[in-house]
Structure formats: structure tokens, C-alpha cells
Amino acid sequence: MITLNQFLKLVGIASTGGQAKLMIIDGDVKVNGIVETRRGRKLAPTDTVTVIDKTFNVGDF
């Protein structure tokens, strides 16, 4: 399992944890189509993460 903020750094959407935190708090991140504001949210391989009209399948990483 990986947390949401770690995943944003892994895929290159956020360069730092602080940047990832701000994106999540601002409501710019969706998990499975629902806005997620918890940066510590644990992601499963079946989850999808959408940021700025880009969607990533967690299981692909």
C-alpha cells in the first residue's frame, strides 16, 4: 500500500510532499472519482487517482 501524497510524488505530479499536501487540501485530487482531502489515504492497486484531468491507475505503478 502507498499513501496518496506518496503516490503523487511517485507519478511526478508533485515534486515535494508539501506540494502534494497543498494539492490534496485544495481539493484538486480525486480517488475513484471522489474528491479526497486526506493525504494519508492508503491506496489499493485497484484505485484510480485523478489530478488536473490526468488519471492514473495505482496498480500500474
PDB file of N, CA and C in Angstrom:
ATOM      1  N   MET A   1       0.838  -1.186   0.000  1.00  0.00           N
ATOM      2  CA  MET A   1       0.000   0.000   0.000  1.00  0.00           C
ATOM      3  C   MET A   1       0.876   1.240   0.000  1.00  0.00           C
ATOM      4  N   ILE A   2       0.338   2.298  -0.581  1.00  0.00           N
ATOM      5  CA  ILE A   2       1.028   3.577  -0.662  1.00  0.00           C
ATOM      6  C   ILE A   2       0.023   4.664  -0.292  1.00  0.00           C
ATOM      7  N   THR A   3       0.523   5.729   0.324  1.00  0.00           N
ATOM      8  CA  THR A   3      -0.379   6.822   0.682  1.00  0.00           C
ATOM      9  C   THR A   3      -0.570   7.745  -0.517  1.00  0.00           C
ATOM     10  N   LEU A   4      -1.622   8.528  -0.465  1.00  0.00           N
ATOM     11  CA  LEU A   4      -1.954   9.415  -1.568  1.00  0.00           C
ATOM     12  C   LEU A   4      -0.841  10.417  -1.847  1.00  0.00           C
ATOM     13  N   ASN A   5      -0.296  11.034  -0.809  1.00  0.00           N
ATOM     14  CA  ASN A   5       0.759  12.023  -1.060  1.00  0.00           C
ATOM     15  C   ASN A   5       2.015  11.369  -1.633  1.00  0.00           C
ATOM     16  N   GLN A   6       2.346  10.159  -1.209  1.00  0.00           N
ATOM     17  CA  GLN A   6       3.487   9.442  -1.769  1.00  0.00           C
ATOM     18  C   GLN A   6       3.247   9.100  -3.238  1.00  0.00           C
ATOM     19  N   PHE A   7       2.021   8.741  -3.557  1.00  0.00           N
ATOM     20  CA  PHE A   7       1.685   8.390  -4.932  1.00  0.00           C
ATOM     21  C   PHE A   7       1.823   9.599  -5.855  1.00  0.00           C
ATOM     22  N   LEU A   8       1.388  10.762  -5.398  1.00  0.00           N
ATOM     23  CA  LEU A   8       1.511  11.968  -6.222  1.00  0.00           C
ATOM     24  C   LEU A   8       2.972  12.283  -6.527  1.00  0.00           C
ATOM     25  N   LYS A   9       3.855  12.028  -5.567  1.00  0.00           N
ATOM     26  CA  LYS A   9       5.279  12.223  -5.809  1.00  0.00           C
ATOM     27  C   LYS A   9       5.814  11.147  -6.761  1.00  0.00           C
ATOM     28  N   LEU A  10       5.362   9.924  -6.595  1.00  0.00           N
ATOM     29  CA  LEU A  10       5.826   8.810  -7.430  1.00  0.00           C
ATOM     30  C   LEU A  10       5.527   9.039  -8.906  1.00  0.00           C
ATOM     31  N   VAL A  11       4.330   9.517  -9.217  1.00  0.00           N
ATOM     32  CA  VAL A  11       3.951   9.705 -10.620  1.00  0.00           C
ATOM     33  C   VAL A  11       4.445  11.038 -11.186  1.00  0.00           C
ATOM     34  N   GLY A  12       5.063  11.873 -10.356  1.00  0.00           N
ATOM     35  CA  GLY A  12       5.641  13.112 -10.830  1.00  0.00           C
ATOM     36  C   GLY A  12       4.700  14.296 -10.878  1.00  0.00           C
ATOM     37  N   ILE A  13       3.514  14.152 -10.306  1.00  0.00           N
ATOM     38  CA  ILE A  13       2.562  15.271 -10.267  1.00  0.00           C
ATOM     39  C   ILE A  13       3.022  16.311  -9.249  1.00  0.00           C
ATOM     40  N   ALA A  14       3.600  15.857  -8.141  1.00  0.00           N
ATOM     41  CA  ALA A  14       4.115  16.757  -7.103  1.00  0.00           C
ATOM     42  C   ALA A  14       5.595  16.453  -6.900  1.00  0.00           C
ATOM     43  N   SER A  15       6.403  17.500  -6.814  1.00  0.00           N
ATOM     44  CA  SER A  15       7.839  17.286  -6.633  1.00  0.00           C
ATOM     45  C   SER A  15       8.223  17.143  -5.161  1.00  0.00           C
ATOM     46  N   THR A  16       7.372  17.652  -4.273  1.00  0.00           N
ATOM     47  CA  THR A  16       7.645  17.554  -2.832  1.00  0.00           C
ATOM     48  C   THR A  16       6.385  17.127  -2.093  1.00  0.00           C
ATOM     49  N   GLY A  17       6.588  16.683  -0.864  1.00  0.00           N
ATOM     50  CA  GLY A  17       5.442  16.335  -0.034  1.00  0.00           C
ATOM     51  C   GLY A  17       4.570  17.533   0.278  1.00  0.00           C
ATOM     52  N   GLY A  18       5.194  18.694   0.428  1.00  0.00           N
ATOM     53  CA  GLY A  18       4.438  19.919   0.697  1.00  0.00           C
ATOM     54  C   GLY A  18       3.549  20.307  -0.468  1.00  0.00           C
ATOM     55  N   GLN A  19       4.062  20.150  -1.667  1.00  0.00           N
ATOM     56  CA  GLN A  19       3.270  20.452  -2.854  1.00  0.00           C
ATOM     57  C   GLN A  19       2.097  19.482  -2.959  1.00  0.00           C
ATOM     58  N   ALA A  20       2.345  18.201  -2.692  1.00  0.00           N
ATOM     59  CA  ALA A  20       1.283  17.197  -2.725  1.00  0.00           C
ATOM     60  C   ALA A  20       0.214  17.531  -1.692  1.00  0.00           C
ATOM     61  N   LYS A  21       0.647  17.925  -0.497  1.00  0.00           N
ATOM     62  CA  LYS A  21      -0.285  18.275   0.579  1.00  0.00           C
ATOM     63  C   LYS A  21      -1.212  19.410   0.149  1.00  0.00           C
ATOM     64  N   LEU A  22      -0.645  20.450  -0.465  1.00  0.00           N
ATOM     65  CA  LEU A  22      -1.462  21.587  -0.892  1.00  0.00           C
ATOM     66  C   LEU A  22      -2.467  21.190  -1.972  1.00  0.00           C
ATOM     67  N   MET A  23      -2.046  20.355  -2.904  1.00  0.00           N
ATOM     68  CA  MET A  23      -2.951  19.903  -3.961  1.00  0.00           C
ATOM     69  C   MET A  23      -4.130  19.130  -3.364  1.00  0.00           C
ATOM     70  N   ILE A  24      -3.830  18.294  -2.377  1.00  0.00           N
ATOM     71  CA  ILE A  24      -4.868  17.479  -1.745  1.00  0.00           C
ATOM     72  C   ILE A  24      -5.811  18.360  -0.928  1.00  0.00           C
ATOM     73  N   ILE A  25      -5.252  19.253  -0.125  1.00  0.00           N
ATOM     74  CA  ILE A  25      -6.074  20.135   0.717  1.00  0.00           C
ATOM     75  C   ILE A  25      -6.959  21.045  -0.138  1.00  0.00           C
ATOM     76  N   ASP A  26      -6.444  21.488  -1.281  1.00  0.00           N
ATOM     77  CA  ASP A  26      -7.204  22.377  -2.172  1.00  0.00           C
ATOM     78  C   ASP A  26      -8.312  21.656  -2.932  1.00  0.00           C
ATOM     79  N   GLY A  27      -8.399  20.327  -2.800  1.00  0.00           N
ATOM     80  CA  GLY A  27      -9.453  19.576  -3.467  1.00  0.00           C
ATOM     81  C   GLY A  27      -9.174  19.277  -4.924  1.00  0.00           C
ATOM     82  N   ASP A  28      -7.888  19.315  -5.313  1.00  0.00           N
ATOM     83  CA  ASP A  28      -7.510  19.072  -6.703  1.00  0.00           C
ATOM     84  C   ASP A  28      -7.343  17.597  -7.036  1.00  0.00           C
ATOM     85  N   VAL A  29      -7.485  16.719  -6.052  1.00  0.00           N
ATOM     86  CA  VAL A  29      -7.207  15.298  -6.246  1.00  0.00           C
ATOM     87  C   VAL A  29      -8.464  14.475  -5.994  1.00  0.00           C
ATOM     88  N   LYS A  30      -8.739  13.563  -6.904  1.00  0.00           N
ATOM     89  CA  LYS A  30      -9.868  12.647  -6.741  1.00  0.00           C
ATOM     90  C   LYS A  30      -9.351  11.218  -6.691  1.00  0.00           C
ATOM     91  N   VAL A  31      -9.942  10.436  -5.819  1.00  0.00           N
ATOM     92  CA  VAL A  31      -9.661   9.000  -5.755  1.00  0.00           C
ATOM     93  C   VAL A  31     -10.955   8.288  -6.100  1.00  0.00           C
ATOM     94  N   ASN A  32     -10.905   7.491  -7.135  1.00  0.00           N
ATOM     95  CA  ASN A  32     -12.085   6.782  -7.631  1.00  0.00           C
ATOM     96  C   ASN A  32     -13.243   7.736  -7.922  1.00  0.00           C
ATOM     97  N   GLY A  33     -12.904   8.920  -8.443  1.00  0.00           N
ATOM     98  CA  GLY A  33     -13.914   9.888  -8.849  1.00  0.00           C
ATOM     99  C   GLY A  33     -14.454  10.770  -7.746  1.00  0.00           C
ATOM    100  N   ILE A  34     -13.950  10.629  -6.519  1.00  0.00           N
ATOM    101  CA  ILE A  34     -14.434  11.412  -5.383  1.00  0.00           C
ATOM    102  C   ILE A  34     -13.286  12.251  -4.832  1.00  0.00           C
ATOM    103  N   VAL A  35     -13.539  13.542  -4.601  1.00  0.00           N
ATOM    104  CA  VAL A  35     -12.501  14.422  -4.056  1.00  0.00           C
ATOM    105  C   VAL A  35     -12.020  13.864  -2.729  1.00  0.00           C
ATOM    106  N   GLU A  36     -10.696  13.758  -2.607  1.00  0.00           N
ATOM    107  CA  GLU A  36     -10.082  13.221  -1.384  1.00  0.00           C
ATOM    108  C   GLU A  36      -9.205  14.293  -0.756  1.00  0.00           C
ATOM    109  N   THR A  37      -9.444  14.586   0.520  1.00  0.00           N
ATOM    110  CA  THR A  37      -8.684  15.624   1.213  1.00  0.00           C
ATOM    111  C   THR A  37      -7.774  15.053   2.295  1.00  0.00           C
ATOM    112  N   ARG A  38      -7.673  13.739   2.373  1.00  0.00           N
ATOM    113  CA  ARG A  38      -6.784  13.105   3.365  1.00  0.00           C
ATOM    114  C   ARG A  38      -5.503  12.667   2.660  1.00  0.00           C
ATOM    115  N   ARG A  39      -4.395  13.329   2.963  1.00  0.00           N
ATOM    116  CA  ARG A  39      -3.152  12.987   2.273  1.00  0.00           C
ATOM    117  C   ARG A  39      -2.616  11.624   2.695  1.00  0.00           C
ATOM    118  N   GLY A  40      -3.017  11.155   3.851  1.00  0.00           N
ATOM    119  CA  GLY A  40      -2.579   9.847   4.325  1.00  0.00           C
ATOM    120  C   GLY A  40      -3.453   8.701   3.860  1.00  0.00           C
ATOM    121  N   ARG A  41      -4.407   8.980   3.001  1.00  0.00           N
ATOM    122  CA  ARG A  41      -5.310   7.953   2.474  1.00  0.00           C
ATOM    123  C   ARG A  41      -4.485   6.847   1.829  1.00  0.00           C
ATOM    124  N   LYS A  42      -4.715   5.622   2.255  1.00  0.00           N
ATOM    125  CA  LYS A  42      -3.988   4.486   1.689  1.00  0.00           C
ATOM    126  C   LYS A  42      -4.677   4.040   0.415  1.00  0.00           C
ATOM    127  N   LEU A  43      -3.881   3.842  -0.613  1.00  0.00           N
ATOM    128  CA  LEU A  43      -4.410   3.460  -1.912  1.00  0.00           C
ATOM    129  C   LEU A  43      -4.204   1.975  -2.156  1.00  0.00           C
ATOM    130  N   ALA A  44      -5.200   1.366  -2.754  1.00  0.00           N
ATOM    131  CA  ALA A  44      -5.139  -0.047  -3.140  1.00  0.00           C
ATOM    132  C   ALA A  44      -4.791  -0.123  -4.627  1.00  0.00           C
ATOM    133  N   PRO A  45      -4.280  -1.244  -5.084  1.00  0.00           N
ATOM    134  CA  PRO A  45      -3.926  -1.387  -6.501  1.00  0.00           C
ATOM    135  C   PRO A  45      -5.095  -1.164  -7.459  1.00  0.00           C
ATOM    136  N   THR A  46      -6.312  -1.294  -6.979  1.00  0.00           N
ATOM    137  CA  THR A  46      -7.488  -1.124  -7.838  1.00  0.00           C
ATOM    138  C   THR A  46      -7.984   0.320  -7.895  1.00  0.00           C
ATOM    139  N   ASP A  47      -7.387   1.209  -7.103  1.00  0.00           N
ATOM    140  CA  ASP A  47      -7.815   2.609  -7.069  1.00  0.00           C
ATOM    141  C   ASP A  47      -7.313   3.388  -8.285  1.00  0.00           C
ATOM    142  N   THR A  48      -8.060   4.437  -8.627  1.00  0.00           N
ATOM    143  CA  THR A  48      -7.613   5.389  -9.643  1.00  0.00           C
ATOM    144  C   THR A  48      -7.497   6.760  -8.991  1.00  0.00           C
ATOM    145  N   VAL A  49      -6.493   7.517  -9.413  1.00  0.00           N
ATOM    146  CA  VAL A  49      -6.256   8.856  -8.881  1.00  0.00           C
ATOM    147  C   VAL A  49      -6.302   9.828 -10.054  1.00  0.00           C
ATOM    148  N   THR A  50      -7.116  10.876  -9.921  1.00  0.00           N
ATOM    149  CA  THR A  50      -7.239  11.884 -10.967  1.00  0.00           C
ATOM    150  C   THR A  50      -6.772  13.228 -10.429  1.00  0.00           C
ATOM    151  N   VAL A  51      -5.854  13.841 -11.185  1.00  0.00           N
ATOM    152  CA  VAL A  51      -5.329  15.165 -10.843  1.00  0.00           C
ATOM    153  C   VAL A  51      -5.204  15.949 -12.138  1.00  0.00           C
ATOM    154  N   ILE A  52      -5.789  17.136 -12.151  1.00  0.00           N
ATOM    155  CA  ILE A  52      -5.684  18.028 -13.317  1.00  0.00           C
ATOM    156  C   ILE A  52      -5.979  17.269 -14.614  1.00  0.00           C
ATOM    157  N   ASP A  53      -7.097  16.599 -14.666  1.00  0.00           N
ATOM    158  CA  ASP A  53      -7.571  15.864 -15.844  1.00  0.00           C
ATOM    159  C   ASP A  53      -6.660  14.722 -16.285  1.00  0.00           C
ATOM    160  N   LYS A  54      -5.747  14.282 -15.427  1.00  0.00           N
ATOM    161  CA  LYS A  54      -4.928  13.106 -15.706  1.00  0.00           C
ATOM    162  C   LYS A  54      -5.330  12.024 -14.723  1.00  0.00           C
ATOM    163  N   THR A  55      -5.584  10.835 -15.236  1.00  0.00           N
ATOM    164  CA  THR A  55      -5.986   9.726 -14.368  1.00  0.00           C
ATOM    165  C   THR A  55      -4.913   8.652 -14.374  1.00  0.00           C
ATOM    166  N   PHE A  56      -4.595   8.169 -13.179  1.00  0.00           N
ATOM    167  CA  PHE A  56      -3.572   7.147 -13.001  1.00  0.00           C
ATOM    168  C   PHE A  56      -4.188   5.940 -12.302  1.00  0.00           C
ATOM    169  N   ASN A  57      -3.868   4.752 -12.770  1.00  0.00           N
ATOM    170  CA  ASN A  57      -4.258   3.522 -12.097  1.00  0.00           C
ATOM    171  C   ASN A  57      -3.135   3.157 -11.131  1.00  0.00           C
ATOM    172  N   VAL A  58      -3.458   3.057  -9.863  1.00  0.00           N
ATOM    173  CA  VAL A  58      -2.451   2.802  -8.842  1.00  0.00           C
ATOM    174  C   VAL A  58      -1.715   1.490  -9.121  1.00  0.00           C
ATOM    175  N   GLY A  59      -2.415   0.483  -9.581  1.00  0.00           N
ATOM    176  CA  GLY A  59      -1.799  -0.816  -9.848  1.00  0.00           C
ATOM    177  C   GLY A  59      -0.763  -0.805 -10.951  1.00  0.00           C
ATOM    178  N   ASP A  60      -0.728   0.243 -11.752  1.00  0.00           N
ATOM    179  CA  ASP A  60       0.247   0.342 -12.847  1.00  0.00           C
ATOM    180  C   ASP A  60       1.613   0.826 -12.362  1.00  0.00           C
ATOM    181  N   PHE A  61       1.709   1.226 -11.086  1.00  0.00           N
ATOM    182  CA  PHE A  61       2.962   1.783 -10.582  1.00  0.00           C
ATOM    183  C   PHE A  61       3.559   0.959  -9.490  1.00  0.00           C
TER     184      PHE A  61
END
